[in-house]
Amino acid sequence: MPPEKKKPTRVWPVLRLYMRATVQYPRTLSAVVIGMLGMQFVSIVTPLYLKQLIDILSTNAPSPEIMQALFAILAIYAGLGVINWVSRRVQAYSVLDIEVKVMSDLTNTAFASLIGHSHDFFLSNFAGTLTRRVTRLMRAYEQVFDNMVQTFLPTIIFSIGSVVVLYLRNPWLGIAMLVWVLVFLAFQVIMSIKHHPLRVVSVAADSRVTGALSDVIGNHSAVSLFAAAPYEKRLFGAVVEAWRLATHNLWRSGNFVQGMQQALAIIIEIALLGLGIVLWRRGVVTVGDFILIQVYIIGLVDQVWNIGKITCAVCTTRLLTRQRCSTLWSYRTP
C-alpha cells in the first residue's frame, strides 16, 4: 500500500480551535478584556496630567491657587494609579483562571483523540514525540493567549491613543509617531518571518532529542541485553549536538533582531525630541510636552518591542500543524 499523502496544514485551524475553547468562558474573558482596557486607558491618560503638572511648575510662581491646582492634579494622578492597579489585578487573575481551564480542556481533548488511534499509529511514532506534541499544543495556547492580551491588543490600543494625543498637540508629532510605529511593526513582522526557518530547525531538533531519549528509556532492556550503551550514547550525543547548533543559531539571530530594534528606538527618540525642540522654539509646544513625548516613546518602545512574540507564537503553533498535531485538534465542548 502506498504511503498516505500528508495533507497540507495551516495555522488557522489551530487558532480557531483556541478561539472556540476560549469563548466557552465568556465571563472570565470579559474580565480579561476589561482589565486590559483599564490599564491602557490609564497609560494613555496619565502622561497628560504629568504634562499639566510640569507646565504649571515651569510657568508659575508658588501661590495658594497654584498649590491647590497642583494637589488636584496629584489627586487625579493617584486615582489613575489605583485604577491601573485594580485593572492589572483583574486581568492577572482572569488570565490565570481562563488559561488553566482552557489548557485543561485542550489536554483532555488531545488525550481522548490520541487514544483513539490505531495500534500502527503508536508503532510508527515515539512515545516521547507524541507526549511532546500533546504538551506543546497546550503550552502553545498559553503563549498565544498571553501575547494576545498582554502584548498585541495593548500595543494597538496604546499606539492609537498616543498617536491621537500627540496629533492633537501638534500634527507633525502625531505623524512622526505613526510613521515610526508602522515601520517598527513592519520590521518586527518581516524579521520574525525571516527568523522562522531557524525556528523550524530548532523545534525539529528539540523533538528529536525528546524522541531519542524516550526511545532509549522505553528499550532499556534491549540496550542492556545487546550491550548497545556505547552506540546509544554516540547516537544521543549527535542528536543533542544538532539541537545545540540549531538553538545557538536561533538565539544568535534573535540577538541581532533585538539590536536592530534598539537602534530604531534610539532613532525615534532622538527624532521626536529634536522635532519637539524646533516646535518649542516656535512656541507651539511647552516644556510639559517633552514629558508627554518621552513617556509615550518609552511606553511604545516597551510594548512594541515584544510584538515579535506574537509572530513567534503563531509560528510555533504553525509548527504544531506541520508535525501532524492536527490529529489532536477535534475539540469537544465540555
Protein backbone atom coordinates (compact mmCIF):
# COMPACT_ATOMS: atom_id res chain seq x y z
CA MET A 1 0.00 0.00 0.00
CA PRO A 2 1.43 3.39 -0.94
CA PRO A 3 2.13 5.70 1.99
CA GLU A 4 -0.64 8.08 2.93
CA LYS A 5 -0.12 11.50 1.46
CA LYS A 6 0.12 14.20 4.11
CA LYS A 7 -2.42 16.92 3.80
CA PRO A 8 -1.12 20.49 3.99
CA THR A 9 -1.99 22.11 7.26
CA ARG A 10 -2.22 25.72 8.30
CA VAL A 11 -2.11 27.75 11.46
CA TRP A 12 -5.71 28.95 11.26
CA PRO A 13 -7.34 25.64 12.29
CA VAL A 14 -5.28 25.72 15.49
CA LEU A 15 -6.18 29.34 16.18
CA ARG A 16 -9.85 28.58 15.58
CA LEU A 17 -9.53 25.69 17.98
CA TYR A 18 -8.06 28.01 20.59
CA MET A 19 -10.77 30.59 19.97
CA ARG A 20 -13.59 28.07 20.35
CA ALA A 21 -12.04 26.78 23.54
CA THR A 22 -11.61 30.30 24.94
CA VAL A 23 -15.14 31.58 24.29
CA GLN A 24 -16.50 28.74 26.41
CA TYR A 25 -15.73 31.04 29.37
CA PRO A 26 -17.29 34.40 28.39
CA ARG A 27 -17.33 35.95 31.87
CA THR A 28 -13.66 35.33 32.50
CA LEU A 29 -12.78 36.50 29.00
CA SER A 30 -14.78 39.70 29.56
CA ALA A 31 -12.87 40.34 32.77
CA VAL A 32 -9.59 39.94 30.87
CA VAL A 33 -10.69 42.50 28.27
CA ILE A 34 -11.96 44.97 30.89
CA GLY A 35 -8.69 44.78 32.80
CA MET A 36 -6.70 45.29 29.61
CA LEU A 37 -8.77 48.33 28.58
CA GLY A 38 -8.45 49.85 32.05
CA MET A 39 -4.68 49.52 32.02
CA GLN A 40 -4.32 51.08 28.58
CA PHE A 41 -6.70 53.91 29.44
CA VAL A 42 -4.52 54.83 32.41
CA SER A 43 -1.34 54.52 30.32
CA ILE A 44 -2.69 56.97 27.75
CA VAL A 45 -4.29 59.49 30.12
CA THR A 46 -1.64 59.64 32.88
CA PRO A 47 1.01 61.47 30.79
CA LEU A 48 -1.49 64.25 30.10
CA TYR A 49 -1.66 65.07 33.81
CA LEU A 50 2.11 64.84 34.13
CA LYS A 51 2.30 67.39 31.32
CA GLN A 52 -0.08 69.73 33.16
CA LEU A 53 1.95 69.31 36.33
CA ILE A 54 5.23 70.24 34.61
CA ASP A 55 3.65 73.16 32.74
CA ILE A 56 2.28 74.65 35.95
CA LEU A 57 5.58 74.19 37.80
CA SER A 58 7.62 75.72 34.97
CA THR A 59 5.44 78.77 34.27
CA ASN A 60 4.07 79.84 37.64
CA ALA A 61 5.39 81.07 40.97
CA PRO A 62 4.17 79.38 44.18
CA SER A 63 0.80 80.65 45.41
CA PRO A 64 -2.25 79.19 47.18
CA GLU A 65 -4.12 78.85 43.88
CA ILE A 66 -1.19 77.14 42.18
CA MET A 67 -0.70 74.78 45.12
CA GLN A 68 -4.39 73.88 45.02
CA ALA A 69 -4.17 73.14 41.30
CA LEU A 70 -1.04 71.03 41.78
CA PHE A 71 -2.60 68.93 44.54
CA ALA A 72 -5.75 68.48 42.45
CA ILE A 73 -3.66 67.08 39.62
CA LEU A 74 -1.78 64.90 42.11
CA ALA A 75 -5.07 63.51 43.43
CA ILE A 76 -6.22 62.64 39.91
CA TYR A 77 -2.84 61.03 39.24
CA ALA A 78 -3.21 58.93 42.39
CA GLY A 79 -6.73 57.90 41.34
CA LEU A 80 -5.44 56.77 37.97
CA GLY A 81 -2.79 54.74 39.75
CA VAL A 82 -5.49 52.97 41.76
CA ILE A 83 -7.46 52.24 38.59
CA ASN A 84 -4.31 50.84 36.98
CA TRP A 85 -3.61 48.61 39.99
CA VAL A 86 -7.18 47.27 40.08
CA SER A 87 -7.21 46.68 36.31
CA ARG A 88 -3.89 44.88 36.43
CA ARG A 89 -5.07 42.61 39.25
CA VAL A 90 -8.35 41.85 37.46
CA GLN A 91 -6.53 40.94 34.27
CA ALA A 92 -3.87 38.87 36.04
CA TYR A 93 -6.35 36.72 37.96
CA SER A 94 -8.66 36.39 34.95
CA VAL A 95 -5.84 35.34 32.62
CA LEU A 96 -4.67 32.78 35.16
CA ASP A 97 -8.19 31.39 35.52
CA ILE A 98 -9.04 31.15 31.83
CA GLU A 99 -5.67 29.73 30.79
CA VAL A 100 -5.69 26.82 33.22
CA LYS A 101 -9.27 25.97 32.26
CA VAL A 102 -8.68 26.05 28.52
CA MET A 103 -5.33 24.25 28.77
CA SER A 104 -7.02 21.53 30.80
CA ASP A 105 -9.77 21.22 28.18
CA LEU A 106 -7.23 21.05 25.35
CA THR A 107 -5.18 18.39 27.11
CA ASN A 108 -8.20 16.21 27.82
CA THR A 109 -9.39 16.58 24.23
CA ALA A 110 -5.97 15.76 22.81
CA PHE A 111 -5.73 12.69 25.05
CA ALA A 112 -9.17 11.46 24.05
CA SER A 113 -8.27 11.85 20.38
CA LEU A 114 -4.84 10.28 20.82
CA ILE A 115 -6.00 7.03 22.43
CA GLY A 116 -8.49 6.57 19.60
CA HIS A 117 -5.71 5.95 17.07
CA SER A 118 -4.78 2.54 15.73
CA HIS A 119 -2.01 0.34 17.06
CA ASP A 120 0.06 1.03 13.92
CA PHE A 121 -0.02 4.74 14.70
CA PHE A 122 1.71 4.17 18.04
CA LEU A 123 4.22 1.78 16.47
CA SER A 124 5.14 4.47 13.92
CA ASN A 125 5.72 7.25 16.47
CA PHE A 126 7.95 7.63 19.51
CA ALA A 127 6.08 7.83 22.80
CA GLY A 128 8.12 10.86 23.78
CA THR A 129 7.36 12.63 20.50
CA LEU A 130 3.62 12.06 20.93
CA THR A 131 3.86 13.29 24.51
CA ARG A 132 5.67 16.43 23.38
CA ARG A 133 3.01 17.10 20.73
CA VAL A 134 0.24 16.98 23.29
CA THR A 135 2.04 19.20 25.81
CA ARG A 136 3.19 21.60 23.09
CA LEU A 137 -0.37 22.05 21.89
CA MET A 138 -1.33 23.03 25.43
CA ARG A 139 1.69 25.29 26.06
CA ALA A 140 1.31 26.99 22.70
CA TYR A 141 -2.12 28.18 23.81
CA GLU A 142 -0.64 29.80 26.91
CA GLN A 143 1.92 31.62 24.78
CA VAL A 144 -0.58 32.74 22.15
CA PHE A 145 -3.16 33.96 24.67
CA ASP A 146 -0.57 35.77 26.83
CA ASN A 147 0.88 37.56 23.83
CA MET A 148 -2.55 38.46 22.51
CA VAL A 149 -3.92 40.07 25.70
CA GLN A 150 -0.65 41.36 27.12
CA THR A 151 1.22 42.50 24.01
CA PHE A 152 -0.69 42.61 20.72
CA LEU A 153 -4.01 44.19 21.71
CA PRO A 154 -2.48 46.55 24.33
CA THR A 155 0.09 47.69 21.77
CA ILE A 156 -2.63 48.53 19.23
CA ILE A 157 -4.68 50.45 21.80
CA PHE A 158 -1.72 52.34 23.26
CA SER A 159 -0.30 53.13 19.81
CA ILE A 160 -3.59 54.57 18.57
CA GLY A 161 -4.10 56.56 21.78
CA SER A 162 -0.60 58.02 21.88
CA VAL A 163 -0.65 58.93 18.18
CA VAL A 164 -4.03 60.65 18.57
CA VAL A 165 -2.92 62.61 21.64
CA LEU A 166 0.32 63.77 20.00
CA TYR A 167 -1.53 64.65 16.80
CA LEU A 168 -3.95 66.81 18.77
CA ARG A 169 -0.98 68.56 20.38
CA ASN A 170 0.75 69.02 17.02
CA PRO A 171 0.07 67.15 13.74
CA TRP A 172 3.77 66.71 12.99
CA LEU A 173 4.37 64.93 16.30
CA GLY A 174 1.47 62.55 15.68
CA ILE A 175 2.52 61.83 12.11
CA ALA A 176 6.13 61.17 13.13
CA MET A 177 5.00 58.78 15.85
CA LEU A 178 2.60 56.99 13.48
CA VAL A 179 5.29 56.50 10.83
CA TRP A 180 7.69 55.08 13.40
CA VAL A 181 5.09 52.67 14.79
CA LEU A 182 4.27 51.37 11.30
CA VAL A 183 7.95 50.97 10.40
CA PHE A 184 8.73 49.25 13.69
CA LEU A 185 5.81 46.84 13.39
CA ALA A 186 6.66 46.05 9.77
CA PHE A 187 10.26 45.37 10.79
CA GLN A 188 9.11 43.08 13.58
CA VAL A 189 6.87 41.04 11.33
CA ILE A 190 9.40 40.79 8.49
CA MET A 191 12.23 39.74 10.78
CA SER A 192 10.03 37.20 12.56
CA ILE A 193 9.07 35.64 9.23
CA LYS A 194 12.71 35.51 8.14
CA HIS A 195 13.51 34.09 11.57
CA HIS A 196 11.04 31.24 11.04
CA PRO A 197 13.30 28.73 9.20
CA LEU A 198 15.73 28.77 12.11
CA ARG A 199 12.81 28.20 14.47
CA VAL A 200 11.66 25.23 12.38
CA VAL A 201 15.08 23.60 12.63
CA SER A 202 15.28 24.25 16.38
CA VAL A 203 11.84 22.82 17.12
CA ALA A 204 12.52 19.76 14.98
CA ALA A 205 15.83 19.18 16.76
CA ASP A 206 14.11 19.54 20.13
CA SER A 207 11.53 16.92 19.14
CA ARG A 208 14.30 14.54 18.01
CA VAL A 209 16.03 14.87 21.38
CA THR A 210 12.80 14.04 23.19
CA GLY A 211 12.06 11.12 20.86
CA ALA A 212 15.58 9.68 21.14
CA LEU A 213 15.58 9.93 24.92
CA SER A 214 12.15 8.32 25.20
CA ASP A 215 13.18 5.54 22.81
CA VAL A 216 16.23 4.64 24.90
CA ILE A 217 14.24 4.68 28.14
CA GLY A 218 11.50 2.52 26.63
CA ASN A 219 14.01 0.00 25.25
CA HIS A 220 16.47 -0.03 28.12
CA SER A 221 16.28 -3.80 28.49
CA ALA A 222 17.24 -4.32 24.84
CA VAL A 223 20.09 -1.83 25.17
CA SER A 224 21.44 -3.71 28.19
CA LEU A 225 20.91 -7.13 26.58
CA PHE A 226 22.86 -6.32 23.43
CA ALA A 227 25.48 -4.12 25.16
CA ALA A 228 24.46 -1.20 22.95
CA ALA A 229 25.07 1.52 25.53
CA PRO A 230 28.18 2.98 23.77
CA TYR A 231 26.33 3.13 20.45
CA GLU A 232 23.27 4.76 22.05
CA LYS A 233 25.50 7.32 23.78
CA ARG A 234 27.10 8.30 20.48
CA LEU A 235 23.74 8.44 18.76
CA PHE A 236 22.15 10.54 21.50
CA GLY A 237 25.20 12.81 21.64
CA ALA A 238 24.87 13.50 17.91
CA VAL A 239 21.19 14.37 18.35
CA VAL A 240 21.99 16.74 21.23
CA GLU A 241 24.79 18.37 19.22
CA ALA A 242 22.38 19.02 16.35
CA TRP A 243 19.97 20.61 18.85
CA ARG A 244 22.78 22.77 20.28
CA LEU A 245 23.78 24.11 16.89
CA ALA A 246 20.17 24.81 15.86
CA THR A 247 19.36 26.56 19.14
CA HIS A 248 22.58 28.59 19.06
CA ASN A 249 21.80 29.85 15.54
CA LEU A 250 18.23 30.71 16.58
CA TRP A 251 19.30 32.67 19.65
CA ARG A 252 22.12 34.46 17.80
CA SER A 253 19.67 35.58 15.14
CA GLY A 254 17.34 36.78 17.90
CA ASN A 255 20.12 38.91 19.38
CA PHE A 256 20.64 40.57 16.00
CA VAL A 257 16.93 41.40 15.76
CA GLN A 258 16.99 42.90 19.26
CA GLY A 259 19.94 45.08 18.30
CA MET A 260 18.06 46.45 15.29
CA GLN A 261 15.02 47.11 17.47
CA GLN A 262 17.13 49.11 19.91
CA ALA A 263 18.58 51.15 17.04
CA LEU A 264 15.07 52.01 15.77
CA ALA A 265 14.03 53.01 19.30
CA ILE A 266 17.00 55.38 19.61
CA ILE A 267 16.26 56.92 16.21
CA ILE A 268 12.62 57.72 17.02
CA GLU A 269 13.50 59.11 20.45
CA ILE A 270 16.11 61.49 19.06
CA ALA A 271 13.92 62.46 16.09
CA LEU A 272 10.83 63.27 18.18
CA LEU A 273 12.77 65.17 20.82
CA GLY A 274 14.56 67.14 18.10
CA LEU A 275 11.22 67.94 16.48
CA GLY A 276 9.92 68.96 19.90
CA ILE A 277 12.81 71.38 20.35
CA VAL A 278 12.07 73.01 16.98
CA LEU A 279 8.37 73.33 17.84
CA TRP A 280 9.20 74.67 21.32
CA ARG A 281 11.38 77.38 19.77
CA ARG A 282 8.36 78.41 17.68
CA GLY A 283 6.17 78.47 20.77
CA VAL A 284 3.99 75.59 19.57
CA VAL A 285 4.71 73.16 22.40
CA THR A 286 5.53 73.58 26.08
CA VAL A 287 8.04 72.03 28.44
CA GLY A 288 5.36 69.59 29.59
CA ASP A 289 5.03 68.30 26.05
CA PHE A 290 8.57 66.93 26.29
CA ILE A 291 7.43 64.81 29.24
CA LEU A 292 4.43 63.70 27.18
CA ILE A 293 6.63 62.74 24.23
CA GLN A 294 9.18 60.91 26.37
CA VAL A 295 6.57 58.90 28.30
CA TYR A 296 4.80 57.87 25.09
CA ILE A 297 8.09 56.89 23.46
CA ILE A 298 9.10 54.76 26.43
CA GLY A 299 5.65 53.18 26.58
CA LEU A 300 5.54 52.42 22.86
CA VAL A 301 9.06 51.01 22.77
CA ASP A 302 8.26 48.83 25.76
CA GLN A 303 5.07 47.47 24.17
CA VAL A 304 6.09 47.32 20.52
CA TRP A 305 9.44 45.75 21.44
CA ASN A 306 7.72 42.47 22.28
CA ILE A 307 5.29 42.46 19.35
CA GLY A 308 7.55 39.93 17.62
CA LYS A 309 6.45 37.41 20.23
CA ILE A 310 3.07 37.31 18.55
CA THR A 311 4.55 36.17 15.27
CA CYS A 312 6.78 33.77 17.19
CA ALA A 313 3.77 32.25 18.94
CA VAL A 314 1.88 31.93 15.67
CA CYS A 315 4.90 30.30 14.05
CA THR A 316 5.17 27.88 16.96
CA THR A 317 1.53 26.99 16.52
CA ARG A 318 2.14 26.53 12.81
CA LEU A 319 4.92 24.08 13.63
CA LEU A 320 2.39 22.07 15.60
CA THR A 321 0.31 21.60 12.49
CA ARG A 322 3.31 20.65 10.40
CA GLN A 323 4.23 17.96 12.91
CA ARG A 324 0.88 16.21 12.41
CA CYS A 325 -0.71 17.55 15.56
CA SER A 326 -3.92 18.04 13.63
CA THR A 327 -4.87 14.56 14.85
CA LEU A 328 -5.28 16.07 18.30
CA TRP A 329 -7.47 19.03 17.38
CA SER A 330 -11.00 17.71 17.39
CA TYR A 331 -12.12 19.96 20.20
CA ARG A 332 -15.29 18.91 22.01
CA THR A 333 -17.18 21.38 24.12
CA PRO A 334 -17.09 20.23 27.75
